[in-house]
Protein backbone atom coordinates (compact mmCIF):
# COMPACT_ATOMS: atom_id res chain seq x y z
CA UNK A 1 -31.17 -1.64 11.81
CA UNK A 2 -29.69 -4.35 9.62
CA UNK A 3 -25.93 -4.48 9.23
CA UNK A 4 -23.66 -6.82 7.29
CA UNK A 5 -21.16 -7.60 10.04
CA UNK A 6 -18.74 -10.42 10.57
CA UNK A 7 -17.03 -10.07 13.94
CA UNK A 8 -13.88 -12.14 13.72
CA UNK A 9 -12.11 -14.32 16.26
CA UNK A 10 -15.11 -14.56 18.57
CA UNK A 11 -16.47 -16.46 21.53
CA UNK A 12 -20.14 -16.11 22.48
CA UNK A 13 -21.71 -14.72 25.66
CA UNK A 14 -25.54 -14.53 25.77
CA UNK A 15 -25.76 -14.12 22.01
CA UNK A 16 -23.15 -11.35 21.85
CA UNK A 17 -19.86 -11.49 20.03
CA UNK A 18 -16.89 -11.06 22.33
CA UNK A 19 -13.45 -10.17 21.00
CA UNK A 20 -10.52 -7.86 21.56
CA UNK A 21 -10.92 -4.11 21.06
CA UNK A 22 -9.55 -4.11 17.50
CA UNK A 23 -11.44 -7.16 16.29
CA UNK A 24 -14.83 -5.80 17.43
CA UNK A 25 -14.31 -2.69 15.29
CA UNK A 26 -13.77 -4.54 12.02
CA UNK A 27 -16.64 -5.07 9.59
CA UNK A 28 -16.03 -7.66 6.86
CA UNK A 29 -17.99 -7.70 3.60
CA UNK A 30 -17.70 -10.57 1.13
CA UNK A 31 -17.85 -9.47 -2.51
CA UNK A 32 -17.84 -11.20 -5.88
CA UNK A 33 -15.63 -9.71 -8.60
CA UNK A 34 -16.99 -9.68 -12.18
CA UNK A 35 -14.09 -11.91 -13.19
CA UNK A 36 -11.31 -13.95 -11.62
CA UNK A 37 -8.42 -12.02 -10.14
CA UNK A 38 -4.85 -12.64 -11.27
CA UNK A 39 -2.74 -15.42 -9.84
CA UNK A 40 -0.24 -14.89 -7.04
CA UNK A 41 3.03 -13.65 -8.48
CA UNK A 42 6.72 -13.80 -7.65
CA UNK A 43 9.20 -11.13 -6.67
CA UNK A 44 12.16 -10.47 -4.41
CA UNK A 45 11.33 -9.59 -0.82
CA UNK A 46 12.82 -9.71 2.66
CA UNK A 47 15.96 -11.87 2.56
CA UNK A 48 15.41 -13.35 -0.89
CA UNK A 49 12.82 -14.51 -3.38
CA UNK A 50 9.06 -14.79 -2.71
CA UNK A 51 6.85 -17.21 -4.56
CA UNK A 52 3.67 -16.36 -2.60
CA UNK A 53 3.28 -12.80 -3.86
CA UNK A 54 -0.40 -11.87 -3.74
CA UNK A 55 -2.28 -10.28 -6.67
CA UNK A 56 -1.86 -6.49 -6.64
CA UNK A 57 -4.89 -4.59 -5.32
CA UNK A 58 -5.29 -0.80 -5.21
CA UNK A 59 -8.05 0.52 -2.96
CA UNK A 60 -9.01 4.20 -3.22
CA UNK A 61 -11.69 5.50 -0.80
CA UNK A 62 -14.24 7.92 -2.30
CA UNK A 63 -15.75 10.99 -0.63
CA UNK A 64 -19.22 9.37 -0.48
CA UNK A 65 -18.05 6.36 1.55
CA UNK A 66 -17.74 3.96 -1.37
CA UNK A 67 -14.47 2.84 -2.97
CA UNK A 68 -12.67 2.45 -6.25
CA UNK A 69 -10.77 -0.83 -6.51
CA UNK A 70 -7.99 -1.32 -9.03
CA UNK A 71 -7.11 -4.92 -9.86
CA UNK A 72 -5.95 -7.12 -12.71
CA UNK A 73 -7.88 -10.14 -13.88
CA UNK A 74 -6.59 -13.62 -14.63
CA UNK A 75 -6.97 -12.77 -18.33
CA UNK A 76 -4.46 -9.91 -17.96
CA UNK A 77 -7.04 -7.13 -18.26
CA UNK A 78 -6.88 -4.30 -15.76
CA UNK A 79 -10.10 -3.38 -14.01
CA UNK A 80 -11.32 -0.48 -11.89
CA UNK A 81 -14.45 -1.44 -9.96
CA UNK A 82 -16.68 0.70 -7.76
CA UNK A 83 -17.59 -0.91 -4.44
CA UNK A 84 -20.85 0.49 -3.08
CA UNK A 85 -23.69 -0.77 -0.88
CA UNK A 86 -21.96 -4.08 -0.26
CA UNK A 87 -21.46 -4.98 -3.92
CA UNK A 88 -19.63 -4.20 -7.16
CA UNK A 89 -21.63 -1.37 -8.71
CA UNK A 90 -19.63 -0.90 -11.94
CA UNK A 91 -16.35 -1.92 -13.57
CA UNK A 92 -14.12 -0.28 -16.18
CA UNK A 93 -11.82 -2.57 -18.18
CA UNK A 94 -8.42 -2.09 -19.83
CA UNK A 95 -7.61 -4.98 -22.12
CA UNK A 96 -3.93 -5.96 -22.17
CA UNK A 97 -2.96 -3.48 -19.42
CA UNK A 98 -2.29 -4.15 -15.75
CA UNK A 99 -3.42 -1.76 -13.04
CA UNK A 100 -0.36 -0.34 -11.28
CA UNK A 101 -1.76 2.60 -9.30
CA UNK A 102 -5.05 4.31 -8.52
CA UNK A 103 -6.33 7.66 -7.19
CA UNK A 104 -9.93 8.59 -6.37
CA UNK A 105 -11.09 12.14 -7.18
CA UNK A 106 -13.72 14.20 -5.39
CA UNK A 107 -15.77 14.55 -8.60
CA UNK A 108 -16.47 10.81 -8.51
CA UNK A 109 -13.88 9.89 -11.12
CA UNK A 110 -10.45 8.33 -10.85
CA UNK A 111 -6.98 8.25 -12.33
CA UNK A 112 -5.31 4.90 -12.99
CA UNK A 113 -1.72 3.96 -13.79
CA UNK A 114 -1.61 1.22 -16.42
CA UNK A 115 1.21 -1.00 -17.69
CA UNK A 116 0.87 -2.66 -21.10
CA UNK A 117 2.24 -6.19 -20.92
CA UNK A 118 2.91 -6.46 -24.66
CA UNK A 119 5.60 -3.76 -24.74
CA UNK A 120 6.22 -2.81 -21.08
CA UNK A 121 4.96 0.73 -21.65
CA UNK A 122 3.16 2.66 -18.96
CA UNK A 123 0.57 5.43 -19.04
CA UNK A 124 -1.65 7.50 -16.75
CA UNK A 125 -5.28 8.08 -17.66
CA UNK A 126 -8.07 9.94 -15.88
CA UNK A 127 -11.72 9.09 -16.33
CA UNK A 128 -14.92 10.61 -15.05
CA UNK A 129 -17.47 8.60 -13.11
CA UNK A 130 -19.51 8.30 -16.33
CA UNK A 131 -16.52 6.70 -18.14
CA UNK A 132 -15.41 9.75 -20.12
CA UNK A 133 -11.67 9.73 -20.69
CA UNK A 134 -10.25 13.12 -19.72
CA UNK A 135 -6.65 12.39 -20.72
CA UNK A 136 -4.23 9.57 -21.43
CA UNK A 137 -0.52 10.36 -21.01
CA UNK A 138 2.34 8.06 -21.86
CA UNK A 139 5.25 8.07 -19.38
CA UNK A 140 8.43 7.49 -21.34
CA UNK A 141 12.04 6.63 -20.47
CA UNK A 142 14.95 6.54 -22.96
CA UNK A 143 16.90 4.06 -20.84
CA UNK A 144 14.37 1.73 -19.24
CA UNK A 145 11.02 -0.05 -19.48
CA UNK A 146 8.36 -0.73 -16.88
CA UNK A 147 9.16 -4.43 -16.72
CA UNK A 148 9.19 -4.52 -12.90
CA UNK A 149 11.24 -7.61 -12.18
CA UNK A 150 11.61 -6.13 -8.70
CA UNK A 151 9.93 -3.35 -6.79
CA UNK A 152 6.51 -1.76 -6.90
CA UNK A 153 4.36 0.87 -8.59
CA UNK A 154 2.49 3.65 -6.78
CA UNK A 155 0.39 6.68 -7.76
CA UNK A 156 -0.33 9.75 -5.61
CA UNK A 157 -2.12 13.07 -6.17
CA UNK A 158 -1.84 16.49 -4.54
CA UNK A 159 -1.58 20.19 -5.33
CA UNK A 160 -3.08 19.63 -8.80
CA UNK A 161 -0.52 17.08 -9.97
CA UNK A 162 0.14 13.36 -9.96
CA UNK A 163 3.28 11.52 -8.92
CA UNK A 164 3.79 8.15 -10.65
CA UNK A 165 6.55 6.11 -9.03
CA UNK A 166 7.50 2.67 -10.29
CA UNK A 167 10.32 0.16 -10.73
CA UNK A 168 11.99 -0.10 -14.16
CA UNK A 169 14.37 -2.41 -16.03
CA UNK A 170 17.30 -0.89 -17.91
CA UNK A 171 17.54 -1.47 -21.67
CA UNK A 172 20.20 1.03 -22.84
CA UNK A 173 23.75 2.15 -22.09
CA UNK A 174 25.05 1.70 -18.58
CA UNK A 175 21.56 0.84 -17.36
CA UNK A 176 21.15 -2.17 -19.65
CA UNK A 177 20.12 -5.26 -17.64
CA UNK A 178 19.90 -3.42 -14.33
CA UNK A 179 16.93 -2.62 -12.11
CA UNK A 180 16.07 0.92 -11.03
CA UNK A 181 13.03 3.15 -10.57
CA UNK A 182 11.37 6.17 -12.16
CA UNK A 183 9.42 9.12 -10.77
CA UNK A 184 7.25 11.17 -13.13
CA UNK A 185 5.06 14.20 -12.36
CA UNK A 186 1.95 14.89 -14.46
CA UNK A 187 -0.46 17.81 -14.16
CA UNK A 188 -4.16 17.38 -13.37
CA UNK A 189 -4.80 18.05 -17.06
CA UNK A 190 -2.43 15.27 -18.15
CA UNK A 191 0.63 17.31 -19.12
CA UNK A 192 4.12 15.99 -18.23
CA UNK A 193 5.85 18.19 -15.67
CA UNK A 194 9.44 18.77 -14.62
CA UNK A 195 11.01 17.05 -11.65
CA UNK A 196 11.41 13.41 -10.80
CA UNK A 197 13.94 11.12 -12.50
CA UNK A 198 14.23 8.38 -15.11
CA UNK A 199 16.71 6.30 -13.08
CA UNK A 200 16.83 6.35 -9.31
CA UNK A 201 17.03 3.86 -6.47
CA UNK A 202 18.89 0.77 -7.63
CA UNK A 203 17.70 -1.80 -7.06
CA UNK A 204 14.27 -0.65 -5.92
CA UNK A 205 13.27 -3.68 -3.88
CA UNK A 206 10.07 -1.97 -2.74
CA UNK A 207 8.59 1.49 -3.18
CA UNK A 208 6.10 3.87 -1.57
CA UNK A 209 4.77 7.24 -2.72
CA UNK A 210 2.58 9.74 -0.92
CA UNK A 211 1.46 13.38 -0.82
CA UNK A 212 1.49 15.24 2.50
CA UNK A 213 -1.11 18.09 2.58
CA UNK A 214 0.45 19.77 5.61
CA UNK A 215 3.95 19.77 4.15
CA UNK A 216 2.59 20.35 0.61
CA UNK A 217 5.05 17.85 -0.83
CA UNK A 218 5.45 14.37 -2.29
CA UNK A 219 7.82 11.81 -0.90
CA UNK A 220 9.07 8.70 -2.69
CA UNK A 221 10.51 5.96 -0.50
CA UNK A 222 12.46 2.97 -1.74
CA UNK A 223 14.01 -0.04 -0.04
CA UNK A 224 17.41 -0.07 -1.74
CA UNK A 225 19.81 -2.98 -1.87
CA UNK A 226 22.75 -0.90 -3.17
CA UNK A 227 22.59 2.60 -4.69
CA UNK A 228 22.62 5.35 -3.56
CA UNK A 229 23.04 3.44 -0.31
CA UNK A 230 21.60 0.38 1.42
CA UNK A 231 18.42 0.98 3.33
CA UNK A 232 15.33 3.17 3.30
CA UNK A 233 15.90 6.09 0.94
CA UNK A 234 13.63 9.10 0.64
CA UNK A 235 13.56 10.86 -2.74
CA UNK A 236 16.54 8.82 -3.96
CA UNK A 237 18.97 10.47 -1.54
CA UNK A 238 18.49 10.71 2.21
CA UNK A 239 18.90 7.41 4.08
CA UNK A 240 16.31 7.21 6.86
CA UNK A 241 17.48 3.84 8.19
CA UNK A 242 20.31 1.57 6.95
CA UNK A 243 19.36 -2.03 6.14
CA UNK A 244 21.69 -4.88 5.21
CA UNK A 245 21.61 -5.84 1.53
CA UNK A 246 23.71 -7.62 -1.08
CA UNK A 247 23.55 -5.36 -4.17
CA UNK A 248 22.11 -8.41 -5.95
CA UNK A 249 18.38 -8.30 -5.29
CA UNK A 250 18.70 -9.32 -1.65
CA UNK A 251 17.74 -6.98 1.16
CA UNK A 252 16.92 -7.75 4.78
CA UNK A 253 14.20 -5.12 5.10
CA UNK A 254 10.61 -4.76 3.88
CA UNK A 255 7.93 -2.09 3.53
CA UNK A 256 5.51 -1.25 4.96
CA UNK A 257 3.35 1.74 4.55
CA UNK A 258 3.67 5.43 5.26
CA UNK A 259 0.98 7.75 6.57
CA UNK A 260 0.73 11.55 6.72
CA UNK A 261 0.53 12.86 10.30
CA UNK A 262 -0.09 16.56 11.04
CA UNK A 263 3.51 17.72 10.52
CA UNK A 264 5.47 14.51 9.86
CA UNK A 265 5.41 11.28 7.93
CA UNK A 266 5.05 7.96 9.74
CA UNK A 267 6.51 4.78 8.26
CA UNK A 268 6.04 1.14 9.23
CA UNK A 269 8.72 -1.27 8.05
CA UNK A 270 10.48 -4.52 8.93
CA UNK A 271 14.25 -4.91 9.28
CA UNK A 272 16.19 -8.01 10.28
CA UNK A 273 19.00 -7.81 12.80
CA UNK A 274 22.21 -8.39 10.81
CA UNK A 275 25.94 -7.93 11.48
CA UNK A 276 26.64 -4.21 11.27
CA UNK A 277 22.93 -3.45 10.79
CA UNK A 278 21.16 -3.71 14.17
CA UNK A 279 17.39 -3.95 14.04
CA UNK A 280 14.50 -5.18 16.19
CA UNK A 281 11.80 -6.30 13.75
CA UNK A 282 8.92 -3.89 13.13
CA UNK A 283 9.86 -0.20 13.20
CA UNK A 284 7.69 2.92 13.44
CA UNK A 285 9.62 5.84 11.97
CA UNK A 286 8.74 9.55 12.14
CA UNK A 287 10.41 11.99 9.74
CA UNK A 288 9.85 15.29 7.95
CA UNK A 289 11.35 17.09 4.96
CA UNK A 290 14.04 18.90 6.97
CA UNK A 291 17.25 16.98 6.31
CA UNK A 292 18.76 18.54 9.45
CA UNK A 293 16.11 16.83 11.61
CA UNK A 294 16.99 13.26 12.49
CA UNK A 295 14.25 10.64 12.03
CA UNK A 296 12.73 9.30 15.26
CA UNK A 297 12.49 5.51 15.45
CA UNK A 298 10.31 3.47 17.81
CA UNK A 299 10.56 -0.32 17.62
CA UNK A 300 7.14 -1.99 17.92
CA UNK A 301 8.77 -5.38 18.48
CA UNK A 302 11.94 -6.55 20.20
CA UNK A 303 12.85 -9.43 17.89
CA UNK A 304 15.43 -10.20 15.21
CA UNK A 305 12.86 -9.54 12.48
CA UNK A 306 12.85 -13.02 10.97
CA UNK A 307 9.14 -13.77 11.45
CA UNK A 308 7.50 -10.37 10.82
CA UNK A 309 6.28 -9.62 7.31
CA UNK A 310 4.02 -7.23 5.38
CA UNK A 311 3.63 -4.41 7.92
CA UNK A 312 0.69 -2.01 7.45
CA UNK A 313 -0.12 1.48 8.68
CA UNK A 314 -2.88 4.08 8.26
CA UNK A 315 -4.04 7.13 10.16
CA UNK A 316 -7.43 6.85 11.85
CA UNK A 317 -9.39 9.99 11.05
CA UNK A 318 -7.85 13.46 11.31
CA UNK A 319 -8.54 14.37 14.93
CA UNK A 320 -5.95 14.88 17.66
CA UNK A 321 -4.32 13.21 19.43
CA UNK A 322 -3.23 11.27 16.37
CA UNK A 323 -3.97 7.55 16.20
CA UNK A 324 -2.73 4.98 13.69
CA UNK A 325 -3.86 1.46 12.92
CA UNK A 326 -0.72 -0.64 12.61
CA UNK A 327 -0.03 -4.31 12.10
CA UNK A 328 1.93 -7.08 10.42
CA UNK A 329 1.76 -10.74 9.46
CA UNK A 330 3.68 -13.39 11.39
CA UNK A 331 5.28 -16.32 9.59
CA UNK A 332 5.49 -18.12 12.94
CA UNK A 333 1.74 -18.76 13.13
CA UNK A 334 0.37 -17.16 9.91
CA UNK A 335 -1.51 -14.70 12.11
CA UNK A 336 -2.34 -11.10 11.22
CA UNK A 337 -1.65 -8.67 14.07
CA UNK A 338 -3.32 -5.28 14.54
CA UNK A 339 -3.18 -2.57 17.20
CA UNK A 340 -3.52 1.19 17.56
CA UNK A 341 -0.56 3.46 18.32
CA UNK A 342 -0.27 7.17 19.00
CA UNK A 343 1.99 9.57 17.12
CA UNK A 344 5.01 8.37 19.12
CA UNK A 345 4.40 4.72 18.29
CA UNK A 346 3.10 3.77 21.75
CA UNK A 347 0.26 1.27 21.76
CA UNK A 348 -2.97 2.81 23.02
CA UNK A 349 -5.02 -0.22 21.98
CA UNK A 350 -3.04 -3.41 22.58
CA UNK A 351 -1.74 -5.46 19.71
CA UNK A 352 -3.81 -8.57 19.02
CA UNK A 353 -3.95 -11.42 16.54
CA UNK A 354 -7.19 -11.01 14.60
CA UNK A 355 -8.47 -14.23 13.02
CA UNK A 356 -10.43 -14.08 9.80
CA UNK A 357 -8.65 -11.12 8.21
CA UNK A 358 -5.86 -10.84 5.64
CA UNK A 359 -4.01 -8.41 3.41
CA UNK A 360 -1.58 -8.75 0.54
CA UNK A 361 2.17 -9.14 0.42
CA UNK A 362 3.80 -5.69 0.45
CA UNK A 363 0.60 -4.31 -1.02
CA UNK A 364 0.19 -0.80 0.53
CA UNK A 365 -3.01 -2.30 1.93
CA UNK A 366 -4.56 -0.06 4.60
CA UNK A 367 -6.22 3.12 3.35
CA UNK A 368 -7.58 6.03 5.37
CA UNK A 369 -11.08 7.02 4.24
CA UNK A 370 -12.63 10.52 4.42
CA UNK A 371 -15.29 9.21 6.83
CA UNK A 372 -12.64 8.31 9.41
CA UNK A 373 -12.57 4.59 8.70
CA UNK A 374 -9.55 2.54 7.69
CA UNK A 375 -10.26 0.07 4.90
CA UNK A 376 -8.42 -2.68 3.05
CA UNK A 377 -9.16 -5.63 0.78
CA UNK A 378 -7.92 -9.15 0.17
CA UNK A 379 -8.54 -11.53 -2.69
CA UNK A 380 -8.12 -15.23 -3.24
CA UNK A 381 -5.79 -15.68 -6.26
CA UNK A 382 -7.44 -16.89 -9.46
CA UNK A 383 -10.92 -16.44 -8.01
CA UNK A 384 -13.72 -13.92 -7.75
CA UNK A 385 -13.75 -14.02 -3.92
CA UNK A 386 -12.92 -10.56 -2.55
CA UNK A 387 -13.22 -9.31 1.03
CA UNK A 388 -13.51 -5.70 2.13
CA UNK A 389 -12.49 -4.89 5.71
CA UNK A 390 -13.48 -1.63 7.40
CA UNK A 391 -12.13 -0.54 10.77
CA UNK A 392 -14.18 2.09 12.60
CA UNK A 393 -13.67 3.43 16.09
CA UNK A 394 -17.25 3.28 17.36
CA UNK A 395 -18.89 2.03 20.49
CA UNK A 396 -21.30 -0.23 18.62
CA UNK A 397 -22.39 -3.54 20.15
CA UNK A 398 -22.06 -6.35 17.65
CA UNK A 399 -24.47 -9.29 17.84
CA UNK A 400 -23.35 -12.79 16.96
CA UNK A 401 -26.06 -13.23 14.34
CA UNK A 402 -25.00 -10.10 12.43
CA UNK A 403 -28.01 -7.95 13.37
CA UNK A 404 -28.10 -4.76 15.42
């Protein structure tokens, strides 16, 4: 059987690739986009301003094992490409609109959150796999625009509705000139629904959104530098973990991803140890929707948090006991770390530095696929060079020459 396999970080023994347990389970596929990806951007991040912000990528696994990939080209046009059989099978384009969120649907289609750069408007549209538009819904706000000087944009789907969550810039009244966020619910048919808010976490320094099937609920998480309080806020209210911040676009914490466990959410984040705000680097937080239940925190590192960045997290399959692929990037050696933890945050496969892989800055990178894999992508800014990484817990033997 022929396989496209690149086993990373390897020595050779009798023609076999030898690596740590995580590295041997990663398959890397090199792809060529149908146009150059956007340049690296700038934004605020942990402890200040980041000039090495990677292009935004949105990977959505499909039921058949392929993927939708949302990305924005260097010409400013949003794209949704289908990755299948080791290549780009098709691409849908949105001239003058950036991709800001993506959901794959079981019927082969997708929904994409788009931001128009000309007027800072934002809309949600759903298309079938044959490129038939099923709806296009504008998401409005009387007090703000989707300018996104800070923060993120995310799209989730569950229980026949979408949740669009994104940073906004105030343009009216008391909000004028300030940074906040907006949460909008839209039905599967494209109709605006009640709930959410037009001005929430302020500033939203980073944001996450997800739907939990077991809890039948959405959760929006923001890293707030001021209001309602400093730290990790869930649904613009409950503070899961306090983080030092300056109410001026500076916060000493960073997301991170969250993953749905059987009855709880899991969150990976970074927090720096600061006066009055003790922290130990990379945290693994378990919480549910019961405000009377205190979150359970397990530190994955015992540091001051100054060298850990861009933590990632995804559940591996749906079997029990639960297992999660977790990792982060180190600024000390530019290495990307990965390991496997159980539902309590205990490493069951040791953490290792895996050469040859990458993911974006605060990019919600790792995605759980229906086939049990965990997948993510990375792109070289201003180029067509894209890599797809797939982690699979198998007992396969990987040969050095890429054949099996």
